[in-house]
């Protein structure tokens, strides 16, 4: 499943730029422009990483991380600031931040830092996913239900992960064919229906919905 990144940055253009880069990297991004906008979400359990601007009007990112840490002492936090001052870095570390980046910065550098931090913190569970009662190990390419292994072919597993990693997204058959069988496949798009039928038979509790006249979606 997609990792969730929360950004708190009062410069609208920078907020939007960082959001676009992270979404392009495959993250789900929630952006807030002020302390007051972000404050009600400090207890959100599904946020995997926070990116906080230090200067937020009357409040600061330091105030915000205190609220976040009251609820979750382990969620990663990256500070960004226009002030390249040593004491800001020290205060950030003392308050429990994991990284600090000084403006102006390259969005690509921030994305690299986010990727590295996400991999380090969520290394053990990054490839394990629970969906509709099934335990999926993306790294080992295995599926189990109540401890019983579900044997999938390569294409069945690829199709499963397309839906799992894009839950809620509706895919037409042509797009599924291009993503799973790629451009060198010259057969009929009926192979999508046939593979999905086998996948449904092997994983009957998987909530894949048919969108008639269009394609399929994992609900």
Protein backbone atom coordinates (compact mmCIF):
# COMPACT_ATOMS: atom_id res chain seq x y z
CA UNK A 1 0.00 0.00 0.00
CA UNK A 2 1.08 3.57 -0.57
CA UNK A 3 2.96 5.31 2.24
CA UNK A 4 1.31 8.52 3.45
CA UNK A 5 3.38 11.73 3.69
CA UNK A 6 2.02 14.84 5.46
CA UNK A 7 3.51 18.21 4.48
CA UNK A 8 3.10 21.40 6.52
CA UNK A 9 4.49 24.34 4.55
CA UNK A 10 3.02 27.85 4.36
CA UNK A 11 4.62 28.74 1.02
CA UNK A 12 1.86 27.56 -1.30
CA UNK A 13 4.09 27.14 -4.38
CA UNK A 14 6.72 25.14 -2.49
CA UNK A 15 4.02 23.05 -0.82
CA UNK A 16 2.55 22.23 -4.22
CA UNK A 17 5.97 21.51 -5.76
CA UNK A 18 7.01 19.10 -3.02
CA UNK A 19 3.62 17.42 -3.19
CA UNK A 20 3.93 16.83 -6.94
CA UNK A 21 7.41 15.34 -6.62
CA UNK A 22 6.34 12.98 -3.83
CA UNK A 23 3.18 11.91 -5.63
CA UNK A 24 5.26 11.20 -8.73
CA UNK A 25 7.37 8.94 -6.51
CA UNK A 26 4.25 6.97 -5.59
CA UNK A 27 3.38 8.43 -2.18
CA UNK A 28 -0.03 9.56 -0.99
CA UNK A 29 0.46 13.18 0.07
CA UNK A 30 -1.62 15.33 2.42
CA UNK A 31 -0.62 18.99 2.45
CA UNK A 32 -1.41 21.71 4.96
CA UNK A 33 -0.56 25.40 4.77
CA UNK A 34 -0.85 26.38 8.43
CA UNK A 35 -0.39 25.06 11.94
CA UNK A 36 -4.16 25.25 12.47
CA UNK A 37 -4.84 23.16 9.36
CA UNK A 38 -2.37 20.47 10.41
CA UNK A 39 -3.12 20.39 14.14
CA UNK A 40 -6.34 18.28 13.93
CA UNK A 41 -4.38 15.63 12.01
CA UNK A 42 -1.52 15.20 14.49
CA UNK A 43 -3.18 12.02 15.74
CA UNK A 44 -3.77 10.47 12.30
CA UNK A 45 -2.59 6.87 12.63
CA UNK A 46 -1.97 6.31 8.92
CA UNK A 47 0.70 8.98 8.37
CA UNK A 48 4.10 7.40 7.75
CA UNK A 49 6.19 10.59 7.68
CA UNK A 50 5.79 14.31 8.41
CA UNK A 51 7.61 17.14 6.61
CA UNK A 52 7.41 20.31 8.72
CA UNK A 53 8.41 23.88 7.96
CA UNK A 54 9.86 25.48 11.09
CA UNK A 55 8.32 28.93 10.54
CA UNK A 56 4.51 28.71 10.52
CA UNK A 57 3.29 32.21 11.32
CA UNK A 58 2.58 32.60 15.06
CA UNK A 59 3.37 28.93 15.59
CA UNK A 60 6.26 26.76 14.47
CA UNK A 61 7.12 23.29 13.33
CA UNK A 62 8.63 22.80 16.79
CA UNK A 63 5.16 23.29 18.31
CA UNK A 64 3.70 20.87 15.81
CA UNK A 65 6.21 18.08 16.41
CA UNK A 66 5.42 18.27 20.14
CA UNK A 67 1.77 17.57 19.33
CA UNK A 68 2.72 14.75 16.95
CA UNK A 69 5.04 13.18 19.51
CA UNK A 70 2.31 13.17 22.18
CA UNK A 71 0.50 10.67 19.99
CA UNK A 72 3.33 8.85 18.19
CA UNK A 73 6.92 8.89 19.38
CA UNK A 74 8.25 6.97 16.38
CA UNK A 75 6.75 8.44 13.20
CA UNK A 76 9.59 10.03 11.17
CA UNK A 77 9.75 13.83 10.93
CA UNK A 78 11.82 15.98 8.55
CA UNK A 79 12.21 19.70 9.26
CA UNK A 80 12.77 22.22 6.49
CA UNK A 81 13.73 25.80 7.11
CA UNK A 82 15.14 28.90 5.43
CA UNK A 83 17.29 29.40 8.51
CA UNK A 84 20.54 27.45 8.28
CA UNK A 85 21.34 27.78 11.96
CA UNK A 86 22.98 25.15 14.09
CA UNK A 87 20.68 25.70 17.07
CA UNK A 88 17.62 25.03 14.87
CA UNK A 89 19.08 21.67 13.93
CA UNK A 90 19.87 20.92 17.57
CA UNK A 91 16.39 21.91 18.75
CA UNK A 92 14.88 19.80 15.99
CA UNK A 93 16.91 16.77 17.06
CA UNK A 94 16.07 17.35 20.71
CA UNK A 95 12.37 17.41 19.85
CA UNK A 96 12.67 14.13 17.98
CA UNK A 97 13.16 14.99 14.31
CA UNK A 98 14.94 12.55 12.01
CA UNK A 99 16.33 14.94 9.39
CA UNK A 100 16.68 18.63 8.54
CA UNK A 101 16.93 20.28 5.13
CA UNK A 102 17.70 23.94 4.45
CA UNK A 103 15.84 26.07 1.89
CA UNK A 104 16.34 26.53 -0.94
CA UNK A 105 16.71 22.83 -1.71
CA UNK A 106 16.29 20.54 -4.68
CA UNK A 107 12.95 18.69 -4.53
CA UNK A 108 14.84 15.64 -5.81
CA UNK A 109 17.13 15.80 -2.77
CA UNK A 110 14.11 15.94 -0.45
CA UNK A 111 12.56 12.95 -2.23
CA UNK A 112 15.81 11.00 -1.79
CA UNK A 113 15.86 11.80 1.91
CA UNK A 114 12.22 10.77 2.24
CA UNK A 115 12.87 7.49 0.39
CA UNK A 116 15.88 6.67 2.55
CA UNK A 117 14.04 7.44 5.77
CA UNK A 118 10.96 5.47 4.76
CA UNK A 119 13.09 2.46 3.79
CA UNK A 120 15.04 2.61 7.04
CA UNK A 121 12.06 3.01 9.37
CA UNK A 122 9.68 0.64 7.60
CA UNK A 123 12.26 -1.86 6.37
CA UNK A 124 10.72 -4.87 8.12
CA UNK A 125 7.13 -4.36 7.00
CA UNK A 126 7.49 -2.43 3.75
CA UNK A 127 6.87 -5.53 1.65
CA UNK A 128 4.10 -7.04 3.81
CA UNK A 129 0.51 -6.07 3.11
CA UNK A 130 -2.83 -7.19 4.55
CA UNK A 131 -5.74 -6.99 2.12
CA UNK A 132 -9.23 -8.44 2.65
CA UNK A 133 -7.88 -10.99 5.11
CA UNK A 134 -4.96 -12.05 2.91
CA UNK A 135 -1.33 -11.62 4.00
CA UNK A 136 0.75 -10.57 1.01
CA UNK A 137 4.55 -10.49 1.06
CA UNK A 138 5.51 -8.38 -1.94
CA UNK A 139 9.23 -9.12 -1.61
CA UNK A 140 8.83 -12.91 -1.43
CA UNK A 141 5.81 -12.79 -3.78
CA UNK A 142 3.71 -14.97 -1.52
CA UNK A 143 0.08 -14.87 -0.43
CA UNK A 144 -1.50 -16.61 2.58
CA UNK A 145 -4.94 -16.78 4.15
CA UNK A 146 -5.24 -17.87 7.79
CA UNK A 147 -1.80 -19.41 7.53
CA UNK A 148 -2.63 -21.35 4.34
CA UNK A 149 -0.57 -20.51 1.27
CA UNK A 150 -2.32 -19.33 -1.91
CA UNK A 151 -0.37 -20.36 -4.98
CA UNK A 152 -0.37 -17.73 -7.73
CA UNK A 153 1.29 -17.64 -11.12
CA UNK A 154 3.63 -14.77 -11.97
CA UNK A 155 0.98 -12.86 -13.92
CA UNK A 156 -1.69 -13.50 -11.29
CA UNK A 157 0.59 -12.03 -8.61
CA UNK A 158 1.52 -9.07 -10.83
CA UNK A 159 -2.16 -8.39 -11.45
CA UNK A 160 -2.90 -8.67 -7.73
CA UNK A 161 -0.19 -6.14 -6.86
CA UNK A 162 -1.41 -3.70 -9.53
CA UNK A 163 -4.77 -3.57 -7.77
CA UNK A 164 -3.35 -3.65 -4.23
CA UNK A 165 -0.90 -0.80 -4.84
CA UNK A 166 -3.62 1.28 -6.49
CA UNK A 167 -6.63 0.42 -4.38
CA UNK A 168 -9.69 2.39 -5.41
CA UNK A 169 -8.35 3.10 -8.90
CA UNK A 170 -10.37 1.75 -11.83
CA UNK A 171 -8.29 0.26 -14.64
CA UNK A 172 -9.55 -0.43 -18.19
CA UNK A 173 -8.50 -3.75 -19.71
CA UNK A 174 -6.16 -2.04 -22.17
CA UNK A 175 -4.25 -0.33 -19.39
CA UNK A 176 -3.99 -3.55 -17.36
CA UNK A 177 -2.70 -5.33 -20.46
CA UNK A 178 -0.05 -2.66 -21.03
CA UNK A 179 1.09 -2.64 -17.39
CA UNK A 180 1.18 -6.40 -16.78
CA UNK A 181 1.87 -7.91 -20.21
CA UNK A 182 3.70 -4.85 -21.58
CA UNK A 183 3.92 -3.67 -25.15
CA UNK A 184 5.43 -6.84 -26.61
CA UNK A 185 2.22 -8.82 -26.01
CA UNK A 186 0.20 -9.33 -29.19
CA UNK A 187 -2.63 -11.52 -27.90
CA UNK A 188 -6.22 -10.62 -27.04
CA UNK A 189 -7.12 -8.49 -24.02
CA UNK A 190 -9.28 -11.47 -22.99
CA UNK A 191 -6.14 -12.68 -21.21
CA UNK A 192 -6.91 -10.01 -18.59
CA UNK A 193 -10.37 -11.46 -17.94
CA UNK A 194 -9.04 -15.01 -17.85
CA UNK A 195 -6.24 -14.16 -15.42
CA UNK A 196 -8.60 -12.19 -13.20
CA UNK A 197 -11.10 -15.07 -13.18
CA UNK A 198 -8.38 -17.42 -11.91
CA UNK A 199 -7.27 -14.84 -9.34
CA UNK A 200 -10.84 -14.48 -8.04
CA UNK A 201 -11.18 -18.25 -7.81
CA UNK A 202 -7.99 -18.56 -5.78
CA UNK A 203 -8.75 -15.46 -3.65
CA UNK A 204 -12.57 -15.38 -3.34
CA UNK A 205 -12.54 -12.79 -0.51
CA UNK A 206 -10.63 -10.26 -2.60
CA UNK A 207 -13.00 -7.34 -3.32
CA UNK A 208 -12.22 -6.77 -7.00
CA UNK A 209 -15.24 -5.16 -8.67
CA UNK A 210 -16.16 -5.33 -12.32
CA UNK A 211 -17.00 -1.97 -13.88
CA UNK A 212 -19.11 -3.01 -16.82
CA UNK A 213 -18.01 -1.57 -20.13
CA UNK A 214 -14.79 -0.28 -18.58
CA UNK A 215 -12.63 -2.64 -16.50
CA UNK A 216 -11.89 -3.51 -12.87
CA UNK A 217 -11.23 -1.92 -9.48
CA UNK A 218 -10.14 -3.20 -6.08
CA UNK A 219 -12.72 -1.74 -3.67
